[in-house]
C-alpha atoms as a PDB file:
ATOM      1  CA  MET A   1       0.007   0.149  -0.158  1.00  0.00           C
ATOM      2  CA  LYS A   2       1.122   3.596  -0.945  1.00  0.00           C
ATOM      3  CA  TYR A   3       0.911   5.993   1.660  1.00  0.00           C
ATOM      4  CA  ARG A   4       0.366  10.121   0.759  1.00  0.00           C
ATOM      5  CA  LYS A   5       0.146  13.369   2.994  1.00  0.00           C
ATOM      6  CA  LEU A   6      -3.346  14.470   3.018  1.00  0.00           C
ATOM      7  CA  GLY A   7      -3.323  18.128   2.232  1.00  0.00           C
ATOM      8  CA  LYS A   8      -0.363  20.572   3.648  1.00  0.00           C
ATOM      9  CA  ASN A   9      -1.106  20.249   7.350  1.00  0.00           C
ATOM     10  CA  GLY A  10      -2.941  16.571   7.535  1.00  0.00           C
ATOM     11  CA  PRO A  11      -2.030  13.512   8.343  1.00  0.00           C
ATOM     12  CA  ALA A  12      -0.519  10.435   6.255  1.00  0.00           C
ATOM     13  CA  VAL A  13      -3.078   8.114   5.241  1.00  0.00           C
ATOM     14  CA  SER A  14      -3.258   5.243   2.643  1.00  0.00           C
ATOM     15  CA  ALA A  15      -3.934   6.194  -0.845  1.00  0.00           C
ATOM     16  CA  ILE A  16      -6.845   3.919  -1.223  1.00  0.00           C
ATOM     17  CA  GLY A  17      -9.449   4.354   1.080  1.00  0.00           C
ATOM     18  CA  LEU A  18     -12.695   2.498   2.059  1.00  0.00           C
ATOM     19  CA  GLY A  19     -15.809   4.305   1.717  1.00  0.00           C
ATOM     20  CA  ALA A  20     -19.183   3.910   2.492  1.00  0.00           C
ATOM     21  CA  GLY A  21     -21.666   5.646   0.022  1.00  0.00           C
ATOM     22  CA  SER A  22     -22.740   3.478  -2.721  1.00  0.00           C
ATOM     23  CA  ALA A  23     -22.820   0.197  -0.065  1.00  0.00           C
ATOM     24  CA  THR A  24     -25.462   2.245   2.286  1.00  0.00           C
ATOM     25  CA  THR A  25     -27.160   4.658   1.106  1.00  0.00           C
ATOM     26  CA  ASN A  26     -30.274   3.438  -0.818  1.00  0.00           C
ATOM     27  CA  PHE A  27     -28.743   0.644  -2.506  1.00  0.00           C
ATOM     28  CA  GLY A  28     -30.757  -1.923  -0.494  1.00  0.00           C
ATOM     29  CA  GLU A  29     -29.992  -3.879   2.977  1.00  0.00           C
ATOM     30  CA  ARG A  30     -26.417  -5.102   3.591  1.00  0.00           C
ATOM     31  CA  ASP A  31     -25.362  -7.364   6.165  1.00  0.00           C
ATOM     32  CA  ASP A  32     -23.079  -5.948   8.907  1.00  0.00           C
ATOM     33  CA  GLU A  33     -20.798  -8.783   9.546  1.00  0.00           C
ATOM     34  CA  VAL A  34     -19.964  -8.646   5.928  1.00  0.00           C
ATOM     35  CA  GLN A  35     -18.960  -5.101   5.877  1.00  0.00           C
ATOM     36  CA  ILE A  36     -17.099  -5.730   9.359  1.00  0.00           C
ATOM     37  CA  ALA A  37     -15.273  -8.523   7.338  1.00  0.00           C
ATOM     38  CA  THR A  38     -14.647  -6.340   4.490  1.00  0.00           C
ATOM     39  CA  VAL A  39     -13.421  -3.504   7.008  1.00  0.00           C
ATOM     40  CA  HIS A  40     -10.559  -6.087   8.349  1.00  0.00           C
ATOM     41  CA  ARG A  41      -9.859  -7.079   5.310  1.00  0.00           C
ATOM     42  CA  ALA A  42      -8.937  -3.524   4.359  1.00  0.00           C
ATOM     43  CA  ILE A  43      -6.963  -2.931   7.390  1.00  0.00           C
ATOM     44  CA  ASP A  44      -4.978  -6.054   7.176  1.00  0.00           C
ATOM     45  CA  LEU A  45      -4.199  -4.933   3.434  1.00  0.00           C
ATOM     46  CA  GLY A  46      -2.655  -1.498   4.341  1.00  0.00           C
ATOM     47  CA  VAL A  47      -5.779   0.670   4.007  1.00  0.00           C
ATOM     48  CA  THR A  48      -5.513   3.311   6.794  1.00  0.00           C
ATOM     49  CA  LEU A  49      -8.320   5.906   5.614  1.00  0.00           C
ATOM     50  CA  PHE A  50     -12.030   4.983   6.650  1.00  0.00           C
ATOM     51  CA  ASP A  51     -14.977   7.010   5.674  1.00  0.00           C
ATOM     52  CA  THR A  52     -18.573   7.167   6.929  1.00  0.00           C
ATOM     53  CA  ALA A  53     -21.512   9.980   7.263  1.00  0.00           C
ATOM     54  CA  ASP A  54     -24.163  10.515   9.934  1.00  0.00           C
ATOM     55  CA  ARG A  55     -26.670   9.761   7.176  1.00  0.00           C
ATOM     56  CA  TYR A  56     -25.287   6.690   5.741  1.00  0.00           C
ATOM     57  CA  MET A  57     -28.357   4.012   6.779  1.00  0.00           C
ATOM     58  CA  LYS A  58     -29.531   6.559   9.641  1.00  0.00           C
ATOM     59  CA  GLY A  59     -26.636   6.074  11.592  1.00  0.00           C
ATOM     60  CA  ARG A  60     -26.260   2.497  11.188  1.00  0.00           C
ATOM     61  CA  HIS A  61     -22.568   2.389   9.198  1.00  0.00           C
ATOM     62  CA  GLU A  62     -21.110   4.597  12.081  1.00  0.00           C
ATOM     63  CA  ARG A  63     -22.323   1.961  14.572  1.00  0.00           C
ATOM     64  CA  MET A  64     -20.947  -0.653  12.162  1.00  0.00           C
ATOM     65  CA  LEU A  65     -17.700   0.829  11.463  1.00  0.00           C
ATOM     66  CA  GLY A  66     -17.306   1.710  14.872  1.00  0.00           C
ATOM     67  CA  ARG A  67     -17.653  -2.045  16.169  1.00  0.00           C
ATOM     68  CA  ALA A  68     -15.138  -2.776  13.494  1.00  0.00           C
ATOM     69  CA  LEU A  69     -12.566  -0.521  14.450  1.00  0.00           C
ATOM     70  CA  LYS A  70     -12.789  -1.976  18.306  1.00  0.00           C
ATOM     71  CA  GLY A  71      -8.977  -2.508  19.002  1.00  0.00           C
ATOM     72  CA  ARG A  72      -7.883  -1.063  15.969  1.00  0.00           C
ATOM     73  CA  ARG A  73      -8.539   2.554  16.229  1.00  0.00           C
ATOM     74  CA  ASP A  74      -4.896   3.308  16.658  1.00  0.00           C
ATOM     75  CA  LYS A  75      -4.402   1.995  13.175  1.00  0.00           C
ATOM     76  CA  VAL A  76      -6.768   4.226  11.306  1.00  0.00           C
ATOM     77  CA  VAL A  77      -7.867   7.777  10.141  1.00  0.00           C
ATOM     78  CA  VAL A  78     -11.584   7.617  10.874  1.00  0.00           C
ATOM     79  CA  CYS A  79     -13.794  10.450   8.481  1.00  0.00           C
ATOM     80  CA  THR A  80     -17.511  11.348   9.309  1.00  0.00           C
ATOM     81  CA  LYS A  81     -19.419  13.779   7.437  1.00  0.00           C
ATOM     82  CA  PHE A  82     -23.072  15.950   8.383  1.00  0.00           C
ATOM     83  CA  GLY A  83     -25.176  18.209   7.147  1.00  0.00           C
ATOM     84  CA  ASN A  84     -26.733  16.237   4.178  1.00  0.00           C
ATOM     85  CA  ILE A  85     -30.140  15.580   5.552  1.00  0.00           C
ATOM     86  CA  ASP A  86     -32.813  13.165   4.357  1.00  0.00           C
ATOM     87  CA  ASN A  87     -36.430  14.102   4.945  1.00  0.00           C
ATOM     88  CA  PRO A  88     -39.204  11.385   5.636  1.00  0.00           C
ATOM     89  CA  ASP A  89     -41.076  12.517   2.843  1.00  0.00           C
ATOM     90  CA  GLY A  90     -37.889  11.606   0.265  1.00  0.00           C
ATOM     91  CA  THR A  91     -36.599  15.177   0.394  1.00  0.00           C
ATOM     92  CA  LYS A  92     -33.556  16.598   0.990  1.00  0.00           C
ATOM     93  CA  ALA A  93     -31.983  19.069   3.708  1.00  0.00           C
ATOM     94  CA  TYR A  94     -29.043  20.815   4.526  1.00  0.00           C
ATOM     95  CA  ASN A  95     -27.837  22.265   7.998  1.00  0.00           C
ATOM     96  CA  GLY A  96     -24.845  24.092   8.741  1.00  0.00           C
ATOM     97  CA  ARG A  97     -25.818  25.975  11.794  1.00  0.00           C
ATOM     98  CA  PRO A  98     -23.464  26.158  14.512  1.00  0.00           C
ATOM     99  CA  GLU A  99     -25.899  24.415  16.642  1.00  0.00           C
ATOM    100  CA  TYR A 100     -25.642  21.993  14.782  1.00  0.00           C
ATOM    101  CA  VAL A 101     -22.506  21.400  13.909  1.00  0.00           C
ATOM    102  CA  ARG A 102     -22.026  20.732  17.889  1.00  0.00           C
ATOM    103  CA  SER A 103     -24.988  18.254  18.231  1.00  0.00           C
ATOM    104  CA  ALA A 104     -24.148  16.529  14.956  1.00  0.00           C
ATOM    105  CA  CYS A 105     -20.933  15.956  16.082  1.00  0.00           C
ATOM    106  CA  GLU A 106     -21.643  14.600  19.745  1.00  0.00           C
ATOM    107  CA  GLY A 107     -24.023  12.294  17.662  1.00  0.00           C
ATOM    108  CA  SER A 108     -21.692  11.018  15.654  1.00  0.00           C
ATOM    109  CA  LEU A 109     -18.491   9.934  18.239  1.00  0.00           C
ATOM    110  CA  ALA A 110     -21.282   8.033  20.422  1.00  0.00           C
ATOM    111  CA  GLN A 111     -22.476   6.239  17.433  1.00  0.00           C
ATOM    112  CA  LEU A 112     -18.976   5.936  16.270  1.00  0.00           C
ATOM    113  CA  GLY A 113     -17.997   4.997  20.280  1.00  0.00           C
ATOM    114  CA  ILE A 114     -14.488   6.877  20.156  1.00  0.00           C
ATOM    115  CA  GLU A 115     -13.750   9.785  21.496  1.00  0.00           C
ATOM    116  CA  THR A 116     -12.454  11.683  18.432  1.00  0.00           C
ATOM    117  CA  ILE A 117     -13.262  11.979  14.966  1.00  0.00           C
ATOM    118  CA  ASP A 118      -9.936  12.292  12.770  1.00  0.00           C
ATOM    119  CA  LEU A 119     -11.168  14.284  10.032  1.00  0.00           C
ATOM    120  CA  TYR A 120     -14.837  15.774  10.220  1.00  0.00           C
ATOM    121  CA  TYR A 121     -16.651  16.845   6.621  1.00  0.00           C
ATOM    122  CA  LEU A 122     -19.294  19.136   6.194  1.00  0.00           C
ATOM    123  CA  HIS A 123     -21.271  16.710   3.760  1.00  0.00           C
ATOM    124  CA  ARG A 124     -22.908  19.530   1.695  1.00  0.00           C
ATOM    125  CA  ILE A 125     -23.114  23.456   2.447  1.00  0.00           C
ATOM    126  CA  ASP A 126     -26.137  24.577   3.302  1.00  0.00           C
ATOM    127  CA  PRO A 127     -26.860  27.620   1.268  1.00  0.00           C
ATOM    128  CA  ASP A 128     -28.793  29.393   4.255  1.00  0.00           C
ATOM    129  CA  VAL A 129     -25.749  29.488   6.586  1.00  0.00           C
ATOM    130  CA  PRO A 130     -22.826  31.444   5.629  1.00  0.00           C
ATOM    131  CA  ILE A 131     -19.894  29.273   5.284  1.00  0.00           C
ATOM    132  CA  GLU A 132     -17.630  31.253   7.873  1.00  0.00           C
ATOM    133  CA  ASP A 133     -20.269  30.597  10.609  1.00  0.00           C
ATOM    134  CA  THR A 134     -20.332  26.354   9.699  1.00  0.00           C
ATOM    135  CA  VAL A 135     -16.465  26.242   9.554  1.00  0.00           C
ATOM    136  CA  GLY A 136     -15.840  28.320  12.754  1.00  0.00           C
ATOM    137  CA  ALA A 137     -18.214  26.149  14.693  1.00  0.00           C
ATOM    138  CA  MET A 138     -16.355  23.477  13.199  1.00  0.00           C
ATOM    139  CA  ALA A 139     -12.826  24.525  13.972  1.00  0.00           C
ATOM    140  CA  GLY A 140     -14.459  24.691  18.029  1.00  0.00           C
ATOM    141  CA  LEU A 141     -14.426  21.306  17.731  1.00  0.00           C
ATOM    142  CA  VAL A 142     -11.140  21.345  16.727  1.00  0.00           C
ATOM    143  CA  LYS A 143     -10.358  23.411  20.014  1.00  0.00           C
ATOM    144  CA  ALA A 144     -12.500  21.128  22.114  1.00  0.00           C
ATOM    145  CA  GLY A 145     -10.412  18.454  21.183  1.00  0.00           C
ATOM    146  CA  LYS A 146     -13.676  16.349  19.495  1.00  0.00           C
ATOM    147  CA  VAL A 147     -12.340  16.145  15.992  1.00  0.00           C
ATOM    148  CA  ARG A 148      -8.319  16.525  14.716  1.00  0.00           C
ATOM    149  CA  TRP A 149      -9.032  18.068  11.099  1.00  0.00           C
ATOM    150  CA  LEU A 150     -11.388  19.432   9.225  1.00  0.00           C
ATOM    151  CA  GLY A 151     -12.598  18.965   5.595  1.00  0.00           C
ATOM    152  CA  LEU A 152     -15.835  19.937   3.296  1.00  0.00           C
ATOM    153  CA  SER A 153     -17.800  17.767   0.542  1.00  0.00           C
ATOM    154  CA  GLU A 154     -18.650  19.244  -2.944  1.00  0.00           C
ATOM    155  CA  ALA A 155     -17.620  22.602  -2.100  1.00  0.00           C
ATOM    156  CA  GLY A 156     -16.676  25.149  -4.965  1.00  0.00           C
ATOM    157  CA  PRO A 157     -13.722  27.054  -5.097  1.00  0.00           C
ATOM    158  CA  ASN A 158     -14.772  30.268  -3.606  1.00  0.00           C
ATOM    159  CA  SER A 159     -15.944  27.990  -0.888  1.00  0.00           C
ATOM    160  CA  LEU A 160     -13.066  26.801  -0.232  1.00  0.00           C
ATOM    161  CA  ARG A 161     -11.015  29.859  -0.390  1.00  0.00           C
ATOM    162  CA  ARG A 162     -13.608  31.477   2.195  1.00  0.00           C
ATOM    163  CA  ALA A 163     -13.559  28.440   4.608  1.00  0.00           C
ATOM    164  CA  SER A 164      -9.245  28.022   4.744  1.00  0.00           C
ATOM    165  CA  LYS A 165      -9.534  31.975   5.738  1.00  0.00           C
ATOM    166  CA  ILE A 166     -11.623  30.670   9.062  1.00  0.00           C
ATOM    167  CA  HIS A 167      -9.454  27.327   9.539  1.00  0.00           C
ATOM    168  CA  PRO A 168      -7.575  24.947   7.515  1.00  0.00           C
ATOM    169  CA  ILE A 169      -9.135  22.679   5.241  1.00  0.00           C
ATOM    170  CA  THR A 170      -7.430  19.467   5.291  1.00  0.00           C
ATOM    171  CA  ALA A 171      -9.260  17.790   2.791  1.00  0.00           C
ATOM    172  CA  LEU A 172     -12.207  18.207   0.203  1.00  0.00           C
ATOM    173  CA  GLN A 173     -14.204  14.934  -0.658  1.00  0.00           C
ATOM    174  CA  THR A 174     -16.326  15.187  -4.002  1.00  0.00           C
ATOM    175  CA  GLU A 175     -16.601  12.315  -7.009  1.00  0.00           C
ATOM    176  CA  TYR A 176     -13.820  12.200  -9.489  1.00  0.00           C
ATOM    177  CA  SER A 177     -13.210   9.522 -12.201  1.00  0.00           C
ATOM    178  CA  LEU A 178     -12.733   8.965 -15.865  1.00  0.00           C
ATOM    179  CA  TRP A 179     -16.252   9.156 -16.142  1.00  0.00           C
ATOM    180  CA  ALA A 180     -16.855  12.531 -13.631  1.00  0.00           C
ATOM    181  CA  ARG A 181     -14.190  15.269 -14.668  1.00  0.00           C
ATOM    182  CA  ASP A 182     -15.565  18.463 -13.507  1.00  0.00           C
ATOM    183  CA  VAL A 183     -13.071  19.134 -10.676  1.00  0.00           C
ATOM    184  CA  GLU A 184     -10.099  19.201 -13.076  1.00  0.00           C
ATOM    185  CA  ASP A 185     -11.250  22.936 -14.649  1.00  0.00           C
ATOM    186  CA  LYS A 186     -11.471  25.054 -10.980  1.00  0.00           C
ATOM    187  CA  ILE A 187     -11.707  22.978  -8.008  1.00  0.00           C
ATOM    188  CA  LEU A 188      -8.167  20.484  -8.484  1.00  0.00           C
ATOM    189  CA  PRO A 189      -6.627  24.040  -9.136  1.00  0.00           C
ATOM    190  CA  ALA A 190      -7.837  25.572  -6.227  1.00  0.00           C
ATOM    191  CA  CYS A 191      -6.950  22.737  -3.646  1.00  0.00           C
ATOM    192  CA  ARG A 192      -3.484  23.134  -4.994  1.00  0.00           C
ATOM    193  CA  GLU A 193      -3.536  26.943  -4.298  1.00  0.00           C
ATOM    194  CA  LEU A 194      -4.614  26.066  -0.763  1.00  0.00           C
ATOM    195  CA  GLY A 195      -3.160  23.220   0.195  1.00  0.00           C
ATOM    196  CA  ILE A 196      -5.794  21.250   0.637  1.00  0.00           C
ATOM    197  CA  GLY A 197      -5.987  17.045   0.035  1.00  0.00           C
ATOM    198  CA  PHE A 198      -8.383  15.868  -2.465  1.00  0.00           C
ATOM    199  CA  VAL A 199     -10.248  12.389  -1.506  1.00  0.00           C
ATOM    200  CA  ALA A 200     -12.107  11.351  -4.823  1.00  0.00           C
ATOM    201  CA  TYR A 201     -14.832   9.179  -4.188  1.00  0.00           C
ATOM    202  CA  SER A 202     -16.783   6.833  -6.719  1.00  0.00           C
ATOM    203  CA  PRO A 203     -12.969   6.773  -8.401  1.00  0.00           C
ATOM    204  CA  LEU A 204     -14.666   3.899 -10.614  1.00  0.00           C
ATOM    205  CA  GLY A 205     -17.599   5.581 -11.254  1.00  0.00           C
ATOM    206  CA  ARG A 206     -19.723   3.299  -8.655  1.00  0.00           C
ATOM    207  CA  GLY A 207     -18.824   0.379 -10.992  1.00  0.00           C
ATOM    208  CA  LEU A 208     -19.445   1.578 -14.294  1.00  0.00           C
ATOM    209  CA  LEU A 209     -15.945   1.532 -15.316  1.00  0.00           C
ATOM    210  CA  ALA A 210     -15.081  -1.906 -13.972  1.00  0.00           C
ATOM    211  CA  ARG A 211     -18.630  -3.516 -15.778  1.00  0.00           C
ATOM    212  CA  GLN A 212     -19.963  -4.370 -12.229  1.00  0.00           C
ATOM    213  CA  LEU A 213     -23.403  -2.885 -13.176  1.00  0.00           C
ATOM    214  CA  ARG A 214     -25.010  -5.057 -15.949  1.00  0.00           C
ATOM    215  CA  LYS A 215     -27.209  -7.776 -14.499  1.00  0.00           C
ATOM    216  CA  LYS A 216     -30.283  -7.412 -12.585  1.00  0.00           C
ATOM    217  CA  SER A 217     -29.732  -8.629  -9.100  1.00  0.00           C
ATOM    218  CA  ARG A 218     -32.358  -9.348  -6.013  1.00  0.00           C
ATOM    219  CA  ALA A 219     -30.774  -6.697  -4.723  1.00  0.00           C
ATOM    220  CA  ASP A 220     -31.857  -3.944  -7.454  1.00  0.00           C
ATOM    221  CA  GLN A 221     -34.935  -5.497  -7.178  1.00  0.00           C
ATOM    222  CA  ALA A 222     -35.101  -4.858  -3.299  1.00  0.00           C
ATOM    223  CA  ALA A 223     -33.297  -1.296  -3.770  1.00  0.00           C
ATOM    224  CA  GLY A 224     -34.768   2.020  -3.668  1.00  0.00           C
ATOM    225  CA  GLY A 225     -34.066   4.575  -6.833  1.00  0.00           C
ATOM    226  CA  ASP A 226     -30.637   5.192  -6.502  1.00  0.00           C
ATOM    227  CA  ARG A 227     -29.200   1.589  -7.931  1.00  0.00           C
ATOM    228  CA  ARG A 228     -32.146   2.037 -10.467  1.00  0.00           C
ATOM    229  CA  GLU A 229     -30.700   5.216 -11.624  1.00  0.00           C
ATOM    230  CA  ALA A 230     -27.213   4.644 -11.567  1.00  0.00           C
ATOM    231  CA  ARG A 231     -28.249   1.562 -13.676  1.00  0.00           C
ATOM    232  CA  ARG A 232     -29.767   3.926 -16.372  1.00  0.00           C
ATOM    233  CA  HIS A 233     -26.365   5.999 -16.172  1.00  0.00           C
ATOM    234  CA  ALA A 234     -24.519   2.556 -16.629  1.00  0.00           C
ATOM    235  CA  ARG A 235     -26.148   1.718 -19.410  1.00  0.00           C
ATOM    236  CA  ALA A 236     -25.883   5.239 -21.718  1.00  0.00           C
ATOM    237  CA  GLY A 237     -22.058   5.332 -19.839  1.00  0.00           C
ATOM    238  CA  ARG A 238     -21.183   1.812 -21.435  1.00  0.00           C
ATOM    239  CA  ALA A 239     -22.629   2.780 -25.249  1.00  0.00           C
ATOM    240  CA  ARG A 240     -20.222   6.042 -24.800  1.00  0.00           C
ATOM    241  CA  VAL A 241     -17.365   4.540 -23.324  1.00  0.00           C
ATOM    242  CA  ALA A 242     -17.819   1.824 -26.223  1.00  0.00           C
ATOM    243  CA  ARG A 243     -18.140   4.657 -28.994  1.00  0.00           C
ATOM    244  CA  LEU A 244     -14.675   5.923 -27.519  1.00  0.00           C
ATOM    245  CA  ALA A 245     -12.922   2.669 -27.416  1.00  0.00           C
ATOM    246  CA  ARG A 246     -13.688   2.041 -30.975  1.00  0.00           C
ATOM    247  CA  ARG A 247     -12.013   5.248 -31.703  1.00  0.00           C
ATOM    248  CA  GLY A 248      -8.987   3.995 -29.480  1.00  0.00           C
ATOM    249  CA  ARG A 249      -9.453   6.363 -26.629  1.00  0.00           C
ATOM    250  CA  VAL A 250     -10.397   4.064 -23.760  1.00  0.00           C
ATOM    251  CA  PRO A 251      -9.840   0.104 -23.252  1.00  0.00           C
ATOM    252  CA  ASP A 252     -12.447  -1.966 -24.309  1.00  0.00           C
ATOM    253  CA  SER A 253     -12.359  -4.131 -21.036  1.00  0.00           C
ATOM    254  CA  GLY A 254     -13.865  -3.424 -17.572  1.00  0.00           C
ATOM    255  CA  HIS A 255     -10.416  -4.697 -16.195  1.00  0.00           C
ATOM    256  CA  GLU A 256      -8.291  -2.325 -18.481  1.00  0.00           C
ATOM    257  CA  ALA A 257     -10.323   0.598 -17.786  1.00  0.00           C
ATOM    258  CA  GLY A 258     -10.188  -0.101 -14.140  1.00  0.00           C
ATOM    259  CA  LYS A 259      -6.798  -0.074 -14.376  1.00  0.00           C
ATOM    260  CA  MET A 260      -6.688   3.036 -16.146  1.00  0.00           C
ATOM    261  CA  ALA A 261      -9.208   4.625 -13.639  1.00  0.00           C
ATOM    262  CA  ARG A 262      -6.638   3.999 -10.917  1.00  0.00           C
ATOM    263  CA  ALA A 263      -3.763   4.916 -12.772  1.00  0.00           C
ATOM    264  CA  GLU A 264      -5.278   7.883 -13.473  1.00  0.00           C
ATOM    265  CA  ARG A 265      -6.579   8.895 -10.200  1.00  0.00           C
ATOM    266  CA  ARG A 266      -2.207   8.108  -8.700  1.00  0.00           C
ATOM    267  CA  GLY A 267      -1.393  12.115 -10.189  1.00  0.00           C
ATOM    268  CA  GLY A 268      -0.415  14.209  -7.069  1.00  0.00           C
ATOM    269  CA  ARG A 269       0.750  13.718  -3.807  1.00  0.00           C
ATOM    270  CA  SER A 270      -2.280  14.730  -1.659  1.00  0.00           C
ATOM    271  CA  ARG A 271      -4.985  12.826  -3.090  1.00  0.00           C
ATOM    272  CA  ALA A 272      -6.504   9.597  -2.050  1.00  0.00           C
ATOM    273  CA  ARG A 273      -9.390   7.453  -3.629  1.00  0.00           C
ATOM    274  CA  GLN A 274     -12.313   5.897  -1.951  1.00  0.00           C
ATOM    275  CA  LYS A 275     -13.825   2.693  -3.216  1.00  0.00           C
END
């Protein structure tokens, strides 16, 4: 396993991390024991970066990760996120109010069963709260010893600059793969400018670049809309990849496309990626 320093002032972490978004969020039920075994195997292979969020499975994934890390806490960097809320009616909401920042952190610490969160992300920026107020409250968590480093998720260059004036931002977590390259124009340059590490989620396009979204499974039938939506995008994406392959622009196999995606992600000292 290769290791990289995350940002200018962050921890050294494994170049490959283990995230949880696609394994938990409206993709059907998952066996906790299988996920715990996966965490243990990842640690054995040298993975040190583990990511979750308070919204994943309504807190269940934080509890599961806490169980998995018992007796292994000193070997890993624990990341979690707050502020991205699923309403009962299926709509989305965001909460970056300072008082919520503190209560959300306490909730995650209890769910994880740990005393300190290593890297604490604002999962989505609240458009109704100045980013300075949210990050100011997050900085208070660092001073209180409840959090070590701060991160943002899905933030633009302007928000990164404003947040960095309040407290050092260790990492930005945003989707990045051969399939989703929007960040290359402005966001990656801003991260370099500000000394912020970039953590790419879904580096294999949620299975698209590894040709994993093909046959319909029982899990698909039980799952909510997210997986079905991913499958629809996958069908369109495979057609596009096939056209590019015929032109010689991408490999014509899932294995080779996956290798290309991983190679693409290796550039830059402060990047990590989450499978």
